[in-house]
Amino acid sequence: MDRLDNTIRPYAWGSPTAIPNLLGVEPTNEPQAEMWMGAHPGAPSRTDRGTLVEVVDADPEKELGPAAVARFGPRLPFLLKILAAGAPLSLQVHPDLTQAEEGYADEERRGIPVDAPHRNYKDANHKPELICALTEFDGLCGFRDPLEAAGLLDDLGVDSLKPYVDLLHAHPEDAALREVLTAILTADPEEMARTVAEAAAACDRLGGAYAPYADIAHHYPGDPGVIAAMLLNHVRLQPGEALYLGAGVPHAYLQGLGVEIMANSDNVLRCGLTPKHVDVPELLRIVHFRAGDPGVLRPEASPDGEEVYETPIDEFRLSRYVLPEAGTTHDLTRPAPQILLCTAGSVRAGEHDLTPGRSVFVPAGEKAEVSGTGTLFRATVIA
């Protein structure tokens, strides 16, 4: 197996302390948002054999296994991250596989450069993802019941929100949600900025359930995404709990440290809380206007100690081992590629000693024995 040297992305919303504290190094006073583990060409992990992209490209079947190559092609189909949100991320949604293929083909046909600011589809793949909390972790996930959202907006006492409140009482629910989100994102920018300022002041005054939206408005003053965020479920994960974000589900991470895994894609359509491009018509085509519980996941334990976060897709499978004593060895050998990440304690993986934030890549079929006292996350595929 290969020890990984991973890139940390300095996005502006990142916490300056969470990842350094996990790694046991001094903060640089700069934001450190995500540490990427995998073979994404934007920031591939490095090994003694070259980048993980180069390692996989040299012999895909040896590194990934014949079954994974046949199923997903000659590339590692997932990207694992440590994500440290010190401020809210953009409100966003991801396409399903068919939408991604069609959208990518259309933008290629129209000659839109892949790095163009108004480009929606950077590749032809979908981007389901899972976030597992390492600390308390706040996020937004999926639509609230429209009547609950109407009550939340109405209690702010902002006159310019009254039309949205009335719309949210309409039927059917999916049409009401669609009409309100459309109205928010297409409102006159100056009028919406005034509405957001009034709503933010009310959120500050009321506190409690309104506190997350006051914080969002502090980071994104005047942004229509502040009002759109109030249509969504607010979720606070405890360590070890997770959220699965499938296609079409609007979401945003607000604050906390977690392990994130996703299909190897960069397709994001934004709804707000961002200075970046928002393509409203395309966004409305992708979003699933369904209200419901966000579905907090807790791991399901197996007899060998593996705790699995069950999801409905095959490009990734995330699980963890909480190792209570140094004398016990677990055999994690698998006919598929794996990344093993330590998040607490000290874990021995093959010949490598892993401390928090350190990881290894295990080629398909390679012997993978682990021991120690700590927490180890295992990322792999179902092939």
Protein backbone atom coordinates (compact mmCIF):
# COMPACT_ATOMS: atom_id res chain seq x y z
CA MET A 1 0.00 0.00 0.00
CA ASP A 2 1.04 3.61 -0.61
CA ARG A 3 1.22 6.40 1.96
CA LEU A 4 -0.58 9.45 0.56
CA ASP A 5 0.66 13.03 0.54
CA ASN A 6 -2.48 15.10 0.09
CA THR A 7 -3.24 18.63 -1.07
CA ILE A 8 -5.15 21.06 1.16
CA ARG A 9 -7.41 23.47 -0.73
CA PRO A 10 -7.48 27.04 0.73
CA TYR A 11 -11.06 28.01 -0.17
CA ALA A 12 -12.25 31.18 1.56
CA TRP A 13 -14.95 29.38 3.60
CA GLY A 14 -12.44 27.01 5.20
CA SER A 15 -11.58 26.96 8.89
CA PRO A 16 -8.03 28.19 9.60
CA THR A 17 -7.65 25.79 12.57
CA ALA A 18 -9.72 22.59 12.17
CA ILE A 19 -7.49 20.67 9.73
CA PRO A 20 -4.21 21.81 11.37
CA ASN A 21 -5.59 20.72 14.76
CA LEU A 22 -6.50 17.31 13.34
CA LEU A 23 -3.03 16.92 11.82
CA GLY A 24 -1.28 18.21 14.93
CA VAL A 25 0.49 21.05 13.10
CA GLU A 26 0.59 24.79 13.59
CA PRO A 27 -2.11 26.80 11.76
CA THR A 28 -0.93 29.14 9.02
CA ASN A 29 -3.74 31.66 9.73
CA GLU A 30 -5.01 31.00 6.21
CA PRO A 31 -8.27 29.13 5.52
CA GLN A 32 -7.80 25.37 5.05
CA ALA A 33 -11.06 24.06 3.60
CA GLU A 34 -10.56 20.58 2.13
CA MET A 35 -7.89 17.91 2.08
CA TRP A 36 -8.28 15.75 -1.04
CA MET A 37 -7.44 12.06 -1.09
CA GLY A 38 -7.72 10.35 -4.44
CA ALA A 39 -6.96 10.66 -8.13
CA HIS A 40 -8.90 13.77 -9.10
CA PRO A 41 -6.79 15.57 -11.74
CA GLY A 42 -7.32 18.89 -9.96
CA ALA A 43 -5.29 17.82 -6.93
CA PRO A 44 -4.23 14.15 -7.02
CA SER A 45 -2.63 12.56 -3.97
CA ARG A 46 1.08 11.92 -4.26
CA THR A 47 2.85 8.63 -3.54
CA ASP A 48 6.41 7.33 -3.79
CA ARG A 49 5.38 5.95 -7.21
CA GLY A 50 4.12 9.30 -8.54
CA THR A 51 0.72 10.93 -8.32
CA LEU A 52 -2.21 8.59 -7.78
CA VAL A 53 -3.42 9.52 -11.27
CA GLU A 54 -0.10 8.32 -12.70
CA VAL A 55 -0.17 5.16 -10.57
CA VAL A 56 -3.67 4.22 -11.74
CA ASP A 57 -3.02 5.16 -15.38
CA ALA A 58 0.07 2.91 -15.46
CA ASP A 59 -1.96 -0.24 -14.75
CA PRO A 60 -5.68 0.34 -14.05
CA GLU A 61 -6.60 -3.33 -13.67
CA LYS A 62 -3.81 -4.00 -11.18
CA GLU A 63 -4.55 -0.92 -9.07
CA LEU A 64 -8.36 -0.89 -9.29
CA GLY A 65 -9.19 -4.53 -10.02
CA PRO A 66 -10.85 -5.92 -13.19
CA ALA A 67 -14.37 -5.63 -11.77
CA ALA A 68 -14.03 -1.93 -10.88
CA VAL A 69 -12.50 -1.10 -14.28
CA ALA A 70 -15.31 -2.95 -16.07
CA ARG A 71 -17.92 -1.15 -13.99
CA PHE A 72 -16.54 2.39 -13.72
CA GLY A 73 -13.76 2.67 -16.27
CA PRO A 74 -9.96 2.98 -15.77
CA ARG A 75 -10.03 5.62 -13.04
CA LEU A 76 -10.61 5.73 -9.30
CA PRO A 77 -14.37 6.39 -9.15
CA PHE A 78 -14.45 8.26 -5.82
CA LEU A 79 -12.81 11.22 -4.11
CA LEU A 80 -12.34 11.25 -0.33
CA LYS A 81 -11.95 14.52 1.58
CA ILE A 82 -11.59 16.00 5.01
CA LEU A 83 -13.84 19.06 4.91
CA ALA A 84 -13.51 21.93 7.41
CA ALA A 85 -16.25 24.54 7.09
CA GLY A 86 -15.54 27.73 9.00
CA ALA A 87 -18.24 29.62 7.06
CA PRO A 88 -21.24 28.54 4.93
CA LEU A 89 -20.57 26.97 1.55
CA SER A 90 -22.69 27.86 -1.47
CA LEU A 91 -26.25 26.57 -1.64
CA GLN A 92 -26.03 23.96 -4.39
CA VAL A 93 -27.42 20.91 -6.17
CA HIS A 94 -25.90 18.14 -8.29
CA PRO A 95 -27.27 16.54 -11.49
CA ASP A 96 -28.05 12.85 -11.98
CA LEU A 97 -25.97 10.83 -14.44
CA THR A 98 -28.25 11.38 -17.44
CA GLN A 99 -28.50 15.11 -16.79
CA ALA A 100 -24.71 15.36 -16.43
CA GLU A 101 -24.10 13.49 -19.68
CA GLU A 102 -26.63 15.61 -21.57
CA GLY A 103 -25.47 18.88 -20.03
CA TYR A 104 -21.80 18.17 -20.67
CA ALA A 105 -22.46 17.15 -24.28
CA ASP A 106 -24.56 20.29 -24.87
CA GLU A 107 -21.90 22.66 -23.48
CA GLU A 108 -19.17 20.87 -25.43
CA ARG A 109 -21.28 21.21 -28.60
CA ARG A 110 -21.72 24.93 -27.94
CA GLY A 111 -17.96 25.35 -27.46
CA ILE A 112 -18.10 26.68 -23.89
CA PRO A 113 -14.58 26.35 -22.39
CA VAL A 114 -14.44 23.96 -19.43
CA ASP A 115 -12.91 26.69 -17.26
CA ALA A 116 -15.46 29.36 -18.28
CA PRO A 117 -17.15 30.99 -15.24
CA HIS A 118 -20.62 30.31 -16.72
CA ARG A 119 -19.92 26.64 -17.48
CA ASN A 120 -22.25 24.30 -15.52
CA TYR A 121 -20.91 20.86 -16.43
CA LYS A 122 -17.17 20.24 -16.03
CA ASP A 123 -17.54 16.51 -16.79
CA ALA A 124 -20.16 13.91 -17.79
CA ASN A 125 -20.50 12.29 -14.36
CA HIS A 126 -22.94 12.65 -11.49
CA LYS A 127 -21.80 13.71 -8.02
CA PRO A 128 -23.65 11.97 -5.20
CA GLU A 129 -21.88 12.59 -1.90
CA LEU A 130 -21.84 11.65 1.78
CA ILE A 131 -20.66 13.80 4.68
CA CYS A 132 -19.83 12.16 8.03
CA ALA A 133 -19.33 14.45 11.02
CA LEU A 134 -16.10 14.36 13.04
CA THR A 135 -17.31 17.27 15.20
CA GLU A 136 -20.76 18.80 15.58
CA PHE A 137 -21.61 19.69 11.98
CA ASP A 138 -24.31 22.08 10.75
CA GLY A 139 -25.86 21.88 7.31
CA LEU A 140 -28.93 22.41 5.16
CA CYS A 141 -30.41 19.45 3.32
CA GLY A 142 -33.60 19.14 1.25
CA PHE A 143 -36.81 21.14 1.43
CA ARG A 144 -38.80 21.68 4.61
CA ASP A 145 -42.53 21.11 4.62
CA PRO A 146 -43.84 24.23 2.81
CA LEU A 147 -46.14 25.16 5.69
CA GLU A 148 -43.21 24.99 8.12
CA ALA A 149 -41.15 27.22 5.79
CA ALA A 150 -44.11 29.62 5.53
CA GLY A 151 -44.29 29.90 9.31
CA LEU A 152 -40.56 30.52 9.59
CA LEU A 153 -40.72 33.36 7.04
CA ASP A 154 -43.97 34.82 8.38
CA ASP A 155 -42.66 35.11 11.93
CA LEU A 156 -39.88 37.40 10.73
CA GLY A 157 -42.46 40.14 10.24
CA VAL A 158 -40.96 41.33 6.93
CA ASP A 159 -43.69 42.66 4.62
CA SER A 160 -41.82 41.85 1.40
CA LEU A 161 -41.77 38.15 2.39
CA LYS A 162 -45.57 37.96 2.59
CA PRO A 163 -46.02 36.96 -1.10
CA TYR A 164 -43.67 33.99 -0.55
CA VAL A 165 -45.60 33.00 2.57
CA ASP A 166 -48.86 33.02 0.57
CA LEU A 167 -47.31 30.95 -2.23
CA LEU A 168 -46.08 28.33 0.24
CA HIS A 169 -49.70 27.71 1.33
CA ALA A 170 -50.66 26.76 -2.24
CA HIS A 171 -51.09 23.21 -3.58
CA PRO A 172 -49.57 20.99 -4.77
CA GLU A 173 -46.49 21.29 -2.56
CA ASP A 174 -43.92 20.70 -5.29
CA ALA A 175 -45.39 23.49 -7.41
CA ALA A 176 -45.43 25.84 -4.40
CA LEU A 177 -41.76 25.17 -3.65
CA ARG A 178 -40.80 25.62 -7.30
CA GLU A 179 -42.70 28.91 -7.59
CA VAL A 180 -41.19 30.35 -4.41
CA LEU A 181 -37.60 29.39 -5.24
CA THR A 182 -38.05 30.80 -8.76
CA ALA A 183 -39.44 34.06 -7.35
CA ILE A 184 -36.55 34.40 -4.88
CA LEU A 185 -33.84 33.82 -7.48
CA THR A 186 -35.39 36.08 -10.13
CA ALA A 187 -36.38 38.99 -7.87
CA ASP A 188 -34.99 42.48 -8.50
CA PRO A 189 -31.51 42.42 -6.91
CA GLU A 190 -31.89 45.75 -5.09
CA GLU A 191 -35.30 44.86 -3.69
CA MET A 192 -34.06 41.43 -2.64
CA ALA A 193 -31.02 42.97 -0.93
CA ARG A 194 -33.35 45.13 1.16
CA THR A 195 -35.52 42.11 1.99
CA VAL A 196 -32.47 40.10 3.05
CA ALA A 197 -31.23 42.96 5.24
CA GLU A 198 -34.61 43.18 7.02
CA ALA A 199 -34.79 39.40 7.39
CA ALA A 200 -31.23 39.25 8.74
CA ALA A 201 -32.00 41.88 11.37
CA ALA A 202 -35.08 39.91 12.44
CA CYS A 203 -33.07 36.66 12.61
CA ASP A 204 -30.51 38.41 14.83
CA ARG A 205 -33.26 39.66 17.10
CA LEU A 206 -35.14 36.34 17.35
CA GLY A 207 -32.15 33.99 17.72
CA GLY A 208 -32.85 30.32 18.45
CA ALA A 209 -33.98 28.54 15.27
CA TYR A 210 -33.14 31.73 13.33
CA ALA A 211 -29.50 31.89 14.46
CA PRO A 212 -28.10 29.83 11.53
CA TYR A 213 -29.72 32.21 9.02
CA ALA A 214 -28.40 35.27 10.85
CA ASP A 215 -24.92 33.77 10.49
CA ILE A 216 -25.48 32.99 6.81
CA ALA A 217 -26.61 36.58 6.21
CA HIS A 218 -23.52 37.89 8.02
CA HIS A 219 -21.31 36.03 5.52
CA TYR A 220 -23.48 36.77 2.45
CA PRO A 221 -25.22 40.14 2.98
CA GLY A 222 -27.97 40.82 0.46
CA ASP A 223 -27.70 37.37 -1.16
CA PRO A 224 -31.06 35.81 -2.19
CA GLY A 225 -29.66 32.49 -1.01
CA VAL A 226 -30.27 33.67 2.56
CA ILE A 227 -34.04 33.51 1.95
CA ALA A 228 -33.75 30.32 -0.13
CA ALA A 229 -31.86 28.68 2.75
CA MET A 230 -34.92 29.13 4.97
CA LEU A 231 -36.85 26.78 2.67
CA LEU A 232 -34.48 23.94 3.61
CA ASN A 233 -34.13 21.62 6.59
CA HIS A 234 -31.48 22.72 9.09
CA VAL A 235 -29.54 19.70 10.38
CA ARG A 236 -27.02 19.42 13.20
CA LEU A 237 -25.01 16.20 12.98
CA GLN A 238 -23.30 14.70 16.01
CA PRO A 239 -19.89 13.01 15.53
CA GLY A 240 -20.36 9.76 13.64
CA GLU A 241 -23.65 10.81 12.03
CA ALA A 242 -23.86 11.40 8.29
CA LEU A 243 -25.95 12.84 5.46
CA TYR A 244 -26.28 11.40 1.96
CA LEU A 245 -26.85 14.00 -0.76
CA GLY A 246 -28.28 12.49 -3.92
CA ALA A 247 -29.03 14.14 -7.25
CA GLY A 248 -31.41 17.07 -7.21
CA VAL A 249 -31.27 17.67 -3.44
CA PRO A 250 -30.45 21.30 -2.55
CA HIS A 251 -27.94 21.53 0.28
CA ALA A 252 -25.20 23.57 1.92
CA TYR A 253 -22.64 22.88 4.64
CA LEU A 254 -22.51 25.61 7.27
CA GLN A 255 -19.91 24.76 9.92
CA GLY A 256 -17.91 21.82 11.25
CA LEU A 257 -15.31 19.16 10.44
CA GLY A 258 -16.21 16.00 8.56
CA VAL A 259 -15.13 13.21 6.25
CA GLU A 260 -16.70 13.60 2.81
CA ILE A 261 -16.80 11.10 -0.03
CA MET A 262 -18.25 11.61 -3.50
CA ALA A 263 -18.25 10.31 -7.03
CA ASN A 264 -15.27 11.67 -8.94
CA SER A 265 -17.00 14.70 -10.47
CA ASP A 266 -16.98 18.49 -10.24
CA ASN A 267 -20.54 19.23 -11.41
CA VAL A 268 -22.23 21.84 -9.21
CA LEU A 269 -25.22 24.08 -9.92
CA ARG A 270 -25.46 26.90 -7.40
CA CYS A 271 -28.62 28.41 -5.90
CA GLY A 272 -27.06 31.21 -3.89
CA LEU A 273 -24.60 32.15 -1.12
CA THR A 274 -21.95 32.66 -3.76
CA PRO A 275 -20.47 35.32 -6.07
CA LYS A 276 -20.24 32.60 -8.76
CA HIS A 277 -22.56 31.99 -11.71
CA VAL A 278 -26.17 30.98 -10.94
CA ASP A 279 -27.97 29.52 -13.98
CA VAL A 280 -31.58 29.73 -12.77
CA PRO A 281 -33.30 27.87 -15.66
CA GLU A 282 -30.84 24.97 -15.54
CA LEU A 283 -30.98 24.90 -11.76
CA LEU A 284 -34.78 24.65 -11.79
CA ARG A 285 -34.50 21.76 -14.27
CA ILE A 286 -32.24 19.83 -11.90
CA VAL A 287 -33.78 20.47 -8.47
CA HIS A 288 -36.16 17.90 -6.97
CA PHE A 289 -38.98 19.92 -5.40
CA ARG A 290 -39.87 17.38 -2.75
CA ALA A 291 -40.20 18.14 0.94
CA GLY A 292 -39.13 15.56 3.50
CA ASP A 293 -36.89 14.49 6.33
CA PRO A 294 -33.18 14.94 5.52
CA GLY A 295 -32.47 11.35 6.64
CA VAL A 296 -29.59 11.40 9.10
CA LEU A 297 -27.52 8.23 8.67
CA ARG A 298 -25.96 6.24 11.47
CA PRO A 299 -23.52 3.41 10.67
CA GLU A 300 -24.69 -0.19 10.65
CA ALA A 301 -22.25 -2.46 12.51
CA SER A 302 -21.16 -5.84 11.18
CA PRO A 303 -19.76 -8.73 13.28
CA ASP A 304 -16.17 -7.94 12.29
CA GLY A 305 -16.40 -4.40 13.69
CA GLU A 306 -16.91 -2.56 10.42
CA GLU A 307 -19.53 0.20 10.64
CA VAL A 308 -21.00 0.90 7.20
CA TYR A 309 -22.81 4.03 5.99
CA GLU A 310 -25.35 2.57 3.58
CA THR A 311 -26.06 4.55 0.38
CA PRO A 312 -27.91 3.70 -2.85
CA ILE A 313 -24.96 4.10 -5.21
CA ASP A 314 -21.90 1.97 -6.05
CA GLU A 315 -19.14 4.48 -6.90
CA PHE A 316 -18.25 4.71 -3.23
CA ARG A 317 -18.75 2.87 0.04
CA LEU A 318 -17.72 4.54 3.29
CA SER A 319 -17.27 2.72 6.58
CA ARG A 320 -15.28 3.09 9.77
CA TYR A 321 -13.55 0.98 12.37
CA VAL A 322 -13.33 2.13 15.96
CA LEU A 323 -10.36 0.12 17.22
CA PRO A 324 -10.50 -0.22 21.02
CA GLU A 325 -7.23 -2.08 21.69
CA ALA A 326 -3.83 -2.47 20.10
CA GLY A 327 -3.71 -6.28 20.17
CA THR A 328 -6.53 -6.89 17.67
CA THR A 329 -5.84 -7.12 13.93
CA HIS A 330 -8.47 -6.63 11.23
CA ASP A 331 -7.96 -7.96 7.70
CA LEU A 332 -9.37 -5.36 5.28
CA THR A 333 -8.13 -7.04 2.09
CA ARG A 334 -10.63 -6.45 -0.71
CA PRO A 335 -10.68 -7.05 -4.51
CA ALA A 336 -11.26 -3.33 -5.07
CA PRO A 337 -9.25 -0.13 -4.48
CA GLN A 338 -9.32 1.40 -0.99
CA ILE A 339 -8.21 4.53 0.83
CA LEU A 340 -7.75 4.16 4.59
CA LEU A 341 -7.86 7.35 6.67
CA CYS A 342 -7.08 7.68 10.37
CA THR A 343 -9.09 10.37 12.20
CA ALA A 344 -8.26 9.58 15.85
CA GLY A 345 -5.64 7.70 17.86
CA SER A 346 -2.87 5.70 16.20
CA VAL A 347 -3.46 2.97 13.63
CA ARG A 348 -1.02 0.59 11.97
CA ALA A 349 -1.94 -0.13 8.33
CA GLY A 350 0.43 -2.65 6.80
CA GLU A 351 3.87 -1.08 7.26
CA HIS A 352 2.52 2.41 7.83
CA ASP A 353 1.78 4.14 11.13
CA LEU A 354 -1.19 6.47 10.72
CA THR A 355 -2.01 9.36 13.01
CA PRO A 356 -5.04 11.66 12.58
CA GLY A 357 -5.36 13.01 9.06
CA ARG A 358 -2.91 10.50 7.53
CA SER A 359 -3.98 8.04 4.86
CA VAL A 360 -2.90 5.23 2.54
CA PHE A 361 -4.03 3.86 -0.84
CA VAL A 362 -4.50 0.10 -1.01
CA PRO A 363 -4.55 -1.39 -4.54
CA ALA A 364 -7.20 -4.01 -5.32
CA GLY A 365 -6.41 -7.38 -3.74
CA GLU A 366 -3.38 -6.14 -1.78
CA LYS A 367 -3.09 -7.42 1.78
CA ALA A 368 -4.50 -4.84 4.17
CA GLU A 369 -4.16 -5.61 7.87
CA VAL A 370 -4.83 -2.87 10.41
CA SER A 371 -4.41 -2.67 14.17
CA GLY A 372 -4.01 -0.08 16.91
CA THR A 373 -6.24 2.12 19.01
CA GLY A 374 -8.18 4.76 17.14
CA THR A 375 -10.69 5.46 14.37
CA LEU A 376 -10.11 4.43 10.78
CA PHE A 377 -12.33 5.33 7.82
CA ARG A 378 -12.37 3.01 4.82
CA ALA A 379 -13.33 4.28 1.37
CA THR A 380 -13.86 1.78 -1.43
CA VAL A 381 -16.33 0.85 -4.19
CA ILE A 382 -19.00 -1.76 -4.75
CA ALA A 383 -18.04 -3.58 -7.94
